[in-house]
Amino acid sequence: MVQGTRGELLGHLAEAVGSVTAVHPTRVAIDGPPAAGKTTLADELAVVLRGQGRDVIRASIDDFLFPRAQRYPRGEYSAEGCYYDTHDYDALTRVLLNPLGPDGDRRFQHAVYDRATDTVLSPAVTTAPADAVLVFDGVFLMRPELIDRWELRIFVSTALEKTVERAVIRERRVSTRAEVERRWRERYIPSQQFYFATARPTHHANIIVHNDEPQTPVWETQR
């Protein structure tokens, strides 16, 4: 394991992206529990890569949610529902991951859903350069149906209890502490525990970022 500054971590991740050899865009997964720091890390990595002259496609699993009326068939606090019913993986692979993959034509859509308005989207199709980088953050990205769709797999690890406190702070303007804690303890944390037990994401990750202290992260590279 290596401990360093935030900048050193980002430099290491950018170097890992640069080391990927492919004739199609490099698809980078940034996985981890809710409130682990995935989106922040993905945004920062995208800035570094663009500064190096790479064409970056930035997208998130939140862009591939099912509409709210469809994603709670087992109840709003169901951990199984969180894992099985929340995200449209068929659309994700069809409009984004497969087109950017080895057999794709690089014509992609970056989203199918707008969370702010809870509406289905159909953005214009864009053609990616062959040397583009997709930086994609979200939960459950190393589940069996997605595991082979990434050239680089990064897992952001944070103690699950710490994610509760981060979520309380992050969502304090829209939810009470009791609401956030219930959502995390009944839905998000059990779904992550199920994911760890069945998909073993840290076993598949190329790089694990221990993000309990974001400004002094610890990371390890796995073969």
C-alpha atoms as a PDB file:
ATOM      1  CA  MET A   1       0.000   0.000   0.000  1.00  0.00           C
ATOM      2  CA  VAL A   2       1.042   3.582  -0.665  1.00  0.00           C
ATOM      3  CA  GLN A   3      -0.046   6.653   1.281  1.00  0.00           C
ATOM      4  CA  GLY A   4       0.257  10.040  -0.332  1.00  0.00           C
ATOM      5  CA  THR A   5      -1.392  13.309  -1.165  1.00  0.00           C
ATOM      6  CA  ARG A   6      -4.520  13.718  -3.218  1.00  0.00           C
ATOM      7  CA  GLY A   7      -2.427  14.967  -6.114  1.00  0.00           C
ATOM      8  CA  GLU A   8      -0.141  11.952  -5.950  1.00  0.00           C
ATOM      9  CA  LEU A   9      -3.127   9.626  -6.025  1.00  0.00           C
ATOM     10  CA  LEU A  10      -4.577  11.383  -9.065  1.00  0.00           C
ATOM     11  CA  GLY A  11      -1.214  11.212 -10.788  1.00  0.00           C
ATOM     12  CA  HIS A  12      -1.066   7.467 -10.145  1.00  0.00           C
ATOM     13  CA  LEU A  13      -4.579   6.942 -11.475  1.00  0.00           C
ATOM     14  CA  ALA A  14      -3.876   9.030 -14.583  1.00  0.00           C
ATOM     15  CA  GLU A  15      -0.726   6.986 -15.186  1.00  0.00           C
ATOM     16  CA  ALA A  16      -2.783   3.800 -14.898  1.00  0.00           C
ATOM     17  CA  VAL A  17      -5.248   5.138 -17.461  1.00  0.00           C
ATOM     18  CA  GLY A  18      -2.374   6.043 -19.769  1.00  0.00           C
ATOM     19  CA  SER A  19      -0.912   2.551 -19.509  1.00  0.00           C
ATOM     20  CA  VAL A  20      -4.030   0.942 -21.022  1.00  0.00           C
ATOM     21  CA  THR A  21      -3.398  -0.171 -24.585  1.00  0.00           C
ATOM     22  CA  ALA A  22      -6.565  -0.471 -26.655  1.00  0.00           C
ATOM     23  CA  VAL A  23      -7.720   0.499 -30.136  1.00  0.00           C
ATOM     24  CA  HIS A  24     -10.999   1.761 -28.703  1.00  0.00           C
ATOM     25  CA  PRO A  25     -11.846   4.215 -25.896  1.00  0.00           C
ATOM     26  CA  THR A  26     -10.594   3.282 -22.423  1.00  0.00           C
ATOM     27  CA  ARG A  27     -13.520   2.540 -20.094  1.00  0.00           C
ATOM     28  CA  VAL A  28     -12.706   3.344 -16.456  1.00  0.00           C
ATOM     29  CA  ALA A  29     -15.011   2.227 -13.621  1.00  0.00           C
ATOM     30  CA  ILE A  30     -14.879   4.058 -10.297  1.00  0.00           C
ATOM     31  CA  ASP A  31     -16.909   1.864  -7.964  1.00  0.00           C
ATOM     32  CA  GLY A  32     -17.623   2.019  -4.240  1.00  0.00           C
ATOM     33  CA  PRO A  33     -20.370   2.457  -1.639  1.00  0.00           C
ATOM     34  CA  PRO A  34     -22.656   5.509  -1.626  1.00  0.00           C
ATOM     35  CA  ALA A  35     -20.867   8.530  -0.100  1.00  0.00           C
ATOM     36  CA  ALA A  36     -17.439   6.887  -0.423  1.00  0.00           C
ATOM     37  CA  GLY A  37     -16.167   9.738  -2.591  1.00  0.00           C
ATOM     38  CA  LYS A  38     -16.517   8.170  -6.048  1.00  0.00           C
ATOM     39  CA  THR A  39     -18.003  11.162  -7.843  1.00  0.00           C
ATOM     40  CA  THR A  40     -15.465  13.597  -6.427  1.00  0.00           C
ATOM     41  CA  LEU A  41     -12.586  11.326  -7.393  1.00  0.00           C
ATOM     42  CA  ALA A  42     -14.010  10.780 -10.883  1.00  0.00           C
ATOM     43  CA  ASP A  43     -14.466  14.519 -11.422  1.00  0.00           C
ATOM     44  CA  GLU A  44     -10.902  15.213 -10.274  1.00  0.00           C
ATOM     45  CA  LEU A  45      -9.457  12.456 -12.445  1.00  0.00           C
ATOM     46  CA  ALA A  46     -11.351  13.804 -15.468  1.00  0.00           C
ATOM     47  CA  VAL A  47      -9.756  17.230 -14.923  1.00  0.00           C
ATOM     48  CA  VAL A  48      -6.266  15.706 -14.752  1.00  0.00           C
ATOM     49  CA  LEU A  49      -6.809  13.630 -17.892  1.00  0.00           C
ATOM     50  CA  ARG A  50      -8.158  16.612 -19.836  1.00  0.00           C
ATOM     51  CA  GLY A  51      -5.112  18.567 -18.718  1.00  0.00           C
ATOM     52  CA  GLN A  52      -3.025  15.843 -20.352  1.00  0.00           C
ATOM     53  CA  GLY A  53      -4.892  16.327 -23.602  1.00  0.00           C
ATOM     54  CA  ARG A  54      -7.235  13.321 -23.355  1.00  0.00           C
ATOM     55  CA  ASP A  55     -10.810  13.510 -24.607  1.00  0.00           C
ATOM     56  CA  VAL A  56     -12.860  12.535 -21.531  1.00  0.00           C
ATOM     57  CA  ILE A  57     -16.434  11.252 -21.478  1.00  0.00           C
ATOM     58  CA  ARG A  58     -17.801  11.777 -17.968  1.00  0.00           C
ATOM     59  CA  ALA A  59     -20.859   9.783 -16.917  1.00  0.00           C
ATOM     60  CA  SER A  60     -22.389   8.216 -13.822  1.00  0.00           C
ATOM     61  CA  ILE A  61     -24.646   5.334 -12.835  1.00  0.00           C
ATOM     62  CA  ASP A  62     -27.167   7.996 -11.754  1.00  0.00           C
ATOM     63  CA  ASP A  63     -27.582   8.741 -15.473  1.00  0.00           C
ATOM     64  CA  PHE A  64     -28.920   5.186 -15.860  1.00  0.00           C
ATOM     65  CA  LEU A  65     -31.478   4.961 -13.075  1.00  0.00           C
ATOM     66  CA  PHE A  66     -34.909   3.587 -13.784  1.00  0.00           C
ATOM     67  CA  PRO A  67     -37.626   6.239 -13.269  1.00  0.00           C
ATOM     68  CA  ARG A  68     -38.763   6.454  -9.664  1.00  0.00           C
ATOM     69  CA  ALA A  69     -42.126   4.785 -10.386  1.00  0.00           C
ATOM     70  CA  GLN A  70     -40.271   1.663 -11.595  1.00  0.00           C
ATOM     71  CA  ARG A  71     -37.360   1.294  -9.195  1.00  0.00           C
ATOM     72  CA  TYR A  72     -39.076   0.471  -5.897  1.00  0.00           C
ATOM     73  CA  PRO A  73     -41.161  -2.665  -6.602  1.00  0.00           C
ATOM     74  CA  ARG A  74     -39.820  -4.262  -3.396  1.00  0.00           C
ATOM     75  CA  GLY A  75     -40.233  -1.089  -1.330  1.00  0.00           C
ATOM     76  CA  GLU A  76     -38.214   2.080  -0.862  1.00  0.00           C
ATOM     77  CA  TYR A  77     -35.993   0.587   1.835  1.00  0.00           C
ATOM     78  CA  SER A  78     -35.365  -2.807   0.265  1.00  0.00           C
ATOM     79  CA  ALA A  79     -31.700  -3.788   0.034  1.00  0.00           C
ATOM     80  CA  GLU A  80     -32.512  -6.390  -2.634  1.00  0.00           C
ATOM     81  CA  GLY A  81     -34.374  -3.740  -4.586  1.00  0.00           C
ATOM     82  CA  CYS A  82     -31.366  -1.460  -4.376  1.00  0.00           C
ATOM     83  CA  TYR A  83     -29.189  -4.116  -5.993  1.00  0.00           C
ATOM     84  CA  TYR A  84     -31.614  -5.598  -8.525  1.00  0.00           C
ATOM     85  CA  ASP A  85     -34.184  -2.932  -9.441  1.00  0.00           C
ATOM     86  CA  THR A  86     -32.487   0.467  -9.390  1.00  0.00           C
ATOM     87  CA  HIS A  87     -30.339   0.768 -12.517  1.00  0.00           C
ATOM     88  CA  ASP A  88     -30.953   0.076 -16.192  1.00  0.00           C
ATOM     89  CA  TYR A  89     -27.900  -2.054 -16.990  1.00  0.00           C
ATOM     90  CA  ASP A  90     -29.283  -3.101 -20.369  1.00  0.00           C
ATOM     91  CA  ALA A  91     -29.426   0.537 -21.466  1.00  0.00           C
ATOM     92  CA  LEU A  92     -25.995   1.243 -19.973  1.00  0.00           C
ATOM     93  CA  THR A  93     -24.355  -1.514 -21.969  1.00  0.00           C
ATOM     94  CA  ARG A  94     -26.389  -0.838 -25.120  1.00  0.00           C
ATOM     95  CA  VAL A  95     -25.893   2.931 -25.490  1.00  0.00           C
ATOM     96  CA  LEU A  96     -22.558   3.527 -23.717  1.00  0.00           C
ATOM     97  CA  LEU A  97     -20.342   0.612 -22.735  1.00  0.00           C
ATOM     98  CA  ASN A  98     -20.708  -1.608 -25.801  1.00  0.00           C
ATOM     99  CA  PRO A  99     -20.389   1.201 -28.359  1.00  0.00           C
ATOM    100  CA  LEU A 100     -17.097   2.245 -26.718  1.00  0.00           C
ATOM    101  CA  GLY A 101     -15.843  -1.344 -26.490  1.00  0.00           C
ATOM    102  CA  PRO A 102     -13.750  -3.478 -28.833  1.00  0.00           C
ATOM    103  CA  ASP A 103     -16.666  -4.355 -31.126  1.00  0.00           C
ATOM    104  CA  GLY A 104     -18.370  -0.973 -30.970  1.00  0.00           C
ATOM    105  CA  ASP A 105     -18.665   1.868 -33.459  1.00  0.00           C
ATOM    106  CA  ARG A 106     -17.869   4.555 -30.818  1.00  0.00           C
ATOM    107  CA  ARG A 107     -21.310   6.162 -31.334  1.00  0.00           C
ATOM    108  CA  PHE A 108     -22.697   6.559 -27.815  1.00  0.00           C
ATOM    109  CA  GLN A 109     -25.179   8.292 -25.532  1.00  0.00           C
ATOM    110  CA  HIS A 110     -23.956   9.350 -22.096  1.00  0.00           C
ATOM    111  CA  ALA A 111     -27.315   9.108 -20.279  1.00  0.00           C
ATOM    112  CA  VAL A 112     -30.873   7.790 -20.461  1.00  0.00           C
ATOM    113  CA  TYR A 113     -32.311   9.467 -17.350  1.00  0.00           C
ATOM    114  CA  ASP A 114     -32.436  12.887 -15.668  1.00  0.00           C
ATOM    115  CA  ARG A 115     -32.578  12.439 -11.907  1.00  0.00           C
ATOM    116  CA  ALA A 116     -33.459  16.082 -11.203  1.00  0.00           C
ATOM    117  CA  THR A 117     -36.697  15.848 -13.183  1.00  0.00           C
ATOM    118  CA  ASP A 118     -37.250  12.061 -12.970  1.00  0.00           C
ATOM    119  CA  THR A 119     -37.604  11.828 -16.734  1.00  0.00           C
ATOM    120  CA  VAL A 120     -36.285   9.523 -19.437  1.00  0.00           C
ATOM    121  CA  LEU A 121     -33.698  11.113 -21.737  1.00  0.00           C
ATOM    122  CA  SER A 122     -32.555  10.432 -25.281  1.00  0.00           C
ATOM    123  CA  PRO A 123     -29.582  12.741 -25.856  1.00  0.00           C
ATOM    124  CA  ALA A 124     -27.952  13.142 -29.227  1.00  0.00           C
ATOM    125  CA  VAL A 125     -25.626  10.348 -30.305  1.00  0.00           C
ATOM    126  CA  THR A 126     -21.965  11.388 -30.186  1.00  0.00           C
ATOM    127  CA  THR A 127     -18.955   9.727 -31.795  1.00  0.00           C
ATOM    128  CA  ALA A 128     -15.963   9.298 -29.486  1.00  0.00           C
ATOM    129  CA  PRO A 129     -12.350   9.461 -30.674  1.00  0.00           C
ATOM    130  CA  ALA A 130     -10.593   6.104 -30.512  1.00  0.00           C
ATOM    131  CA  ASP A 131      -8.287   7.402 -27.766  1.00  0.00           C
ATOM    132  CA  ALA A 132     -11.071   8.862 -25.593  1.00  0.00           C
ATOM    133  CA  VAL A 133     -11.475   7.915 -21.929  1.00  0.00           C
ATOM    134  CA  LEU A 134     -14.798   7.133 -20.289  1.00  0.00           C
ATOM    135  CA  VAL A 135     -14.651   7.987 -16.577  1.00  0.00           C
ATOM    136  CA  PHE A 136     -17.735   6.367 -15.073  1.00  0.00           C
ATOM    137  CA  ASP A 137     -18.610   6.371 -11.372  1.00  0.00           C
ATOM    138  CA  GLY A 138     -21.271   4.465  -9.521  1.00  0.00           C
ATOM    139  CA  VAL A 139     -22.264   1.616  -7.258  1.00  0.00           C
ATOM    140  CA  PHE A 140     -22.200  -2.066  -8.230  1.00  0.00           C
ATOM    141  CA  LEU A 141     -19.983  -1.554 -11.301  1.00  0.00           C
ATOM    142  CA  MET A 142     -18.198  -4.880 -10.868  1.00  0.00           C
ATOM    143  CA  ARG A 143     -21.309  -7.018 -10.798  1.00  0.00           C
ATOM    144  CA  PRO A 144     -21.161 -10.021 -13.162  1.00  0.00           C
ATOM    145  CA  GLU A 145     -22.984  -8.421 -16.083  1.00  0.00           C
ATOM    146  CA  LEU A 146     -20.599  -5.425 -16.119  1.00  0.00           C
ATOM    147  CA  ILE A 147     -17.255  -6.800 -14.975  1.00  0.00           C
ATOM    148  CA  ASP A 148     -15.859  -7.382 -18.488  1.00  0.00           C
ATOM    149  CA  ARG A 149     -16.908  -3.959 -19.788  1.00  0.00           C
ATOM    150  CA  TRP A 150     -14.018  -2.038 -18.165  1.00  0.00           C
ATOM    151  CA  GLU A 151     -10.369  -1.657 -19.133  1.00  0.00           C
ATOM    152  CA  LEU A 152      -9.529  -0.188 -15.696  1.00  0.00           C
ATOM    153  CA  ARG A 153     -11.414  -0.921 -12.474  1.00  0.00           C
ATOM    154  CA  ILE A 154     -10.973   1.363  -9.454  1.00  0.00           C
ATOM    155  CA  PHE A 155     -12.707   0.708  -6.146  1.00  0.00           C
ATOM    156  CA  VAL A 156     -13.095   3.526  -3.604  1.00  0.00           C
ATOM    157  CA  SER A 157     -13.166   1.910  -0.182  1.00  0.00           C
ATOM    158  CA  THR A 158     -14.544   3.678   2.881  1.00  0.00           C
ATOM    159  CA  ALA A 159     -15.774   2.275   6.175  1.00  0.00           C
ATOM    160  CA  LEU A 160     -19.525   1.834   5.765  1.00  0.00           C
ATOM    161  CA  GLU A 161     -20.231   3.593   9.059  1.00  0.00           C
ATOM    162  CA  LYS A 162     -18.282   6.617   7.844  1.00  0.00           C
ATOM    163  CA  THR A 163     -20.467   6.806   4.737  1.00  0.00           C
ATOM    164  CA  VAL A 164     -23.504   7.306   6.989  1.00  0.00           C
ATOM    165  CA  GLU A 165     -21.982  10.410   8.566  1.00  0.00           C
ATOM    166  CA  ARG A 166     -20.917  11.760   5.186  1.00  0.00           C
ATOM    167  CA  ALA A 167     -24.436  11.198   3.834  1.00  0.00           C
ATOM    168  CA  VAL A 168     -26.020  13.022   6.766  1.00  0.00           C
ATOM    169  CA  ILE A 169     -23.847  16.058   6.001  1.00  0.00           C
ATOM    170  CA  ARG A 170     -24.318  15.822   2.237  1.00  0.00           C
ATOM    171  CA  GLU A 171     -28.110  15.516   2.370  1.00  0.00           C
ATOM    172  CA  ARG A 172     -28.905  17.723   5.359  1.00  0.00           C
ATOM    173  CA  ARG A 173     -30.718  20.287   3.183  1.00  0.00           C
ATOM    174  CA  VAL A 174     -33.170  17.752   1.750  1.00  0.00           C
ATOM    175  CA  SER A 175     -33.469  14.985   4.372  1.00  0.00           C
ATOM    176  CA  THR A 176     -33.499  14.684   8.141  1.00  0.00           C
ATOM    177  CA  ARG A 177     -30.785  12.718   9.904  1.00  0.00           C
ATOM    178  CA  ALA A 178     -33.319  10.021  10.776  1.00  0.00           C
ATOM    179  CA  GLU A 179     -34.362   9.654   7.119  1.00  0.00           C
ATOM    180  CA  VAL A 180     -30.767   9.396   5.915  1.00  0.00           C
ATOM    181  CA  GLU A 181     -29.781   6.917   8.604  1.00  0.00           C
ATOM    182  CA  ARG A 182     -32.775   4.706   7.855  1.00  0.00           C
ATOM    183  CA  ARG A 183     -32.034   4.732   4.119  1.00  0.00           C
ATOM    184  CA  TRP A 184     -28.395   3.848   4.702  1.00  0.00           C
ATOM    185  CA  ARG A 185     -28.904   1.203   7.386  1.00  0.00           C
ATOM    186  CA  GLU A 186     -31.873  -0.560   5.798  1.00  0.00           C
ATOM    187  CA  ARG A 187     -31.154  -0.159   2.074  1.00  0.00           C
ATOM    188  CA  TYR A 188     -27.665   0.983   1.094  1.00  0.00           C
ATOM    189  CA  ILE A 189     -25.403  -0.739   3.610  1.00  0.00           C
ATOM    190  CA  PRO A 190     -27.119  -4.166   3.383  1.00  0.00           C
ATOM    191  CA  SER A 191     -27.068  -3.947  -0.430  1.00  0.00           C
ATOM    192  CA  GLN A 192     -23.334  -3.238  -0.324  1.00  0.00           C
ATOM    193  CA  GLN A 193     -22.801  -6.172   2.027  1.00  0.00           C
ATOM    194  CA  PHE A 194     -24.679  -8.399  -0.417  1.00  0.00           C
ATOM    195  CA  TYR A 195     -22.586  -7.029  -3.304  1.00  0.00           C
ATOM    196  CA  PHE A 196     -19.346  -7.720  -1.425  1.00  0.00           C
ATOM    197  CA  ALA A 197     -20.430 -11.256  -0.614  1.00  0.00           C
ATOM    198  CA  THR A 198     -21.585 -12.174  -4.124  1.00  0.00           C
ATOM    199  CA  ALA A 199     -19.528 -10.090  -6.582  1.00  0.00           C
ATOM    200  CA  ARG A 200     -16.325  -9.562  -4.541  1.00  0.00           C
ATOM    201  CA  PRO A 201     -15.554  -6.177  -6.123  1.00  0.00           C
ATOM    202  CA  THR A 202     -12.247  -5.633  -4.345  1.00  0.00           C
ATOM    203  CA  HIS A 203     -11.035  -8.944  -5.777  1.00  0.00           C
ATOM    204  CA  HIS A 204     -11.653  -7.640  -9.303  1.00  0.00           C
ATOM    205  CA  ALA A 205     -10.398  -4.075  -8.831  1.00  0.00           C
ATOM    206  CA  ASN A 206      -7.102  -3.067 -10.430  1.00  0.00           C
ATOM    207  CA  ILE A 207      -6.651  -0.261  -7.905  1.00  0.00           C
ATOM    208  CA  ILE A 208      -8.225   0.084  -4.461  1.00  0.00           C
ATOM    209  CA  VAL A 209      -8.340   3.588  -2.996  1.00  0.00           C
ATOM    210  CA  HIS A 210      -8.818   3.717   0.780  1.00  0.00           C
ATOM    211  CA  ASN A 211     -10.652   7.008   1.111  1.00  0.00           C
ATOM    212  CA  ASP A 212     -11.425   7.350   4.814  1.00  0.00           C
ATOM    213  CA  GLU A 213      -9.168  10.430   4.814  1.00  0.00           C
ATOM    214  CA  PRO A 214      -9.583  11.937   1.332  1.00  0.00           C
ATOM    215  CA  GLN A 215      -6.656  14.360   1.584  1.00  0.00           C
ATOM    216  CA  THR A 216      -4.236  11.616   2.668  1.00  0.00           C
ATOM    217  CA  PRO A 217      -5.509   8.582   0.765  1.00  0.00           C
ATOM    218  CA  VAL A 218      -3.970   5.142   0.753  1.00  0.00           C
ATOM    219  CA  TRP A 219      -4.000   3.045  -2.394  1.00  0.00           C
ATOM    220  CA  GLU A 220      -2.922  -0.346  -3.597  1.00  0.00           C
ATOM    221  CA  THR A 221      -2.509  -1.775  -7.076  1.00  0.00           C
ATOM    222  CA  GLN A 222      -3.547  -5.328  -7.825  1.00  0.00           C
ATOM    223  CA  ARG A 223      -2.767  -7.467 -10.854  1.00  0.00           C
END
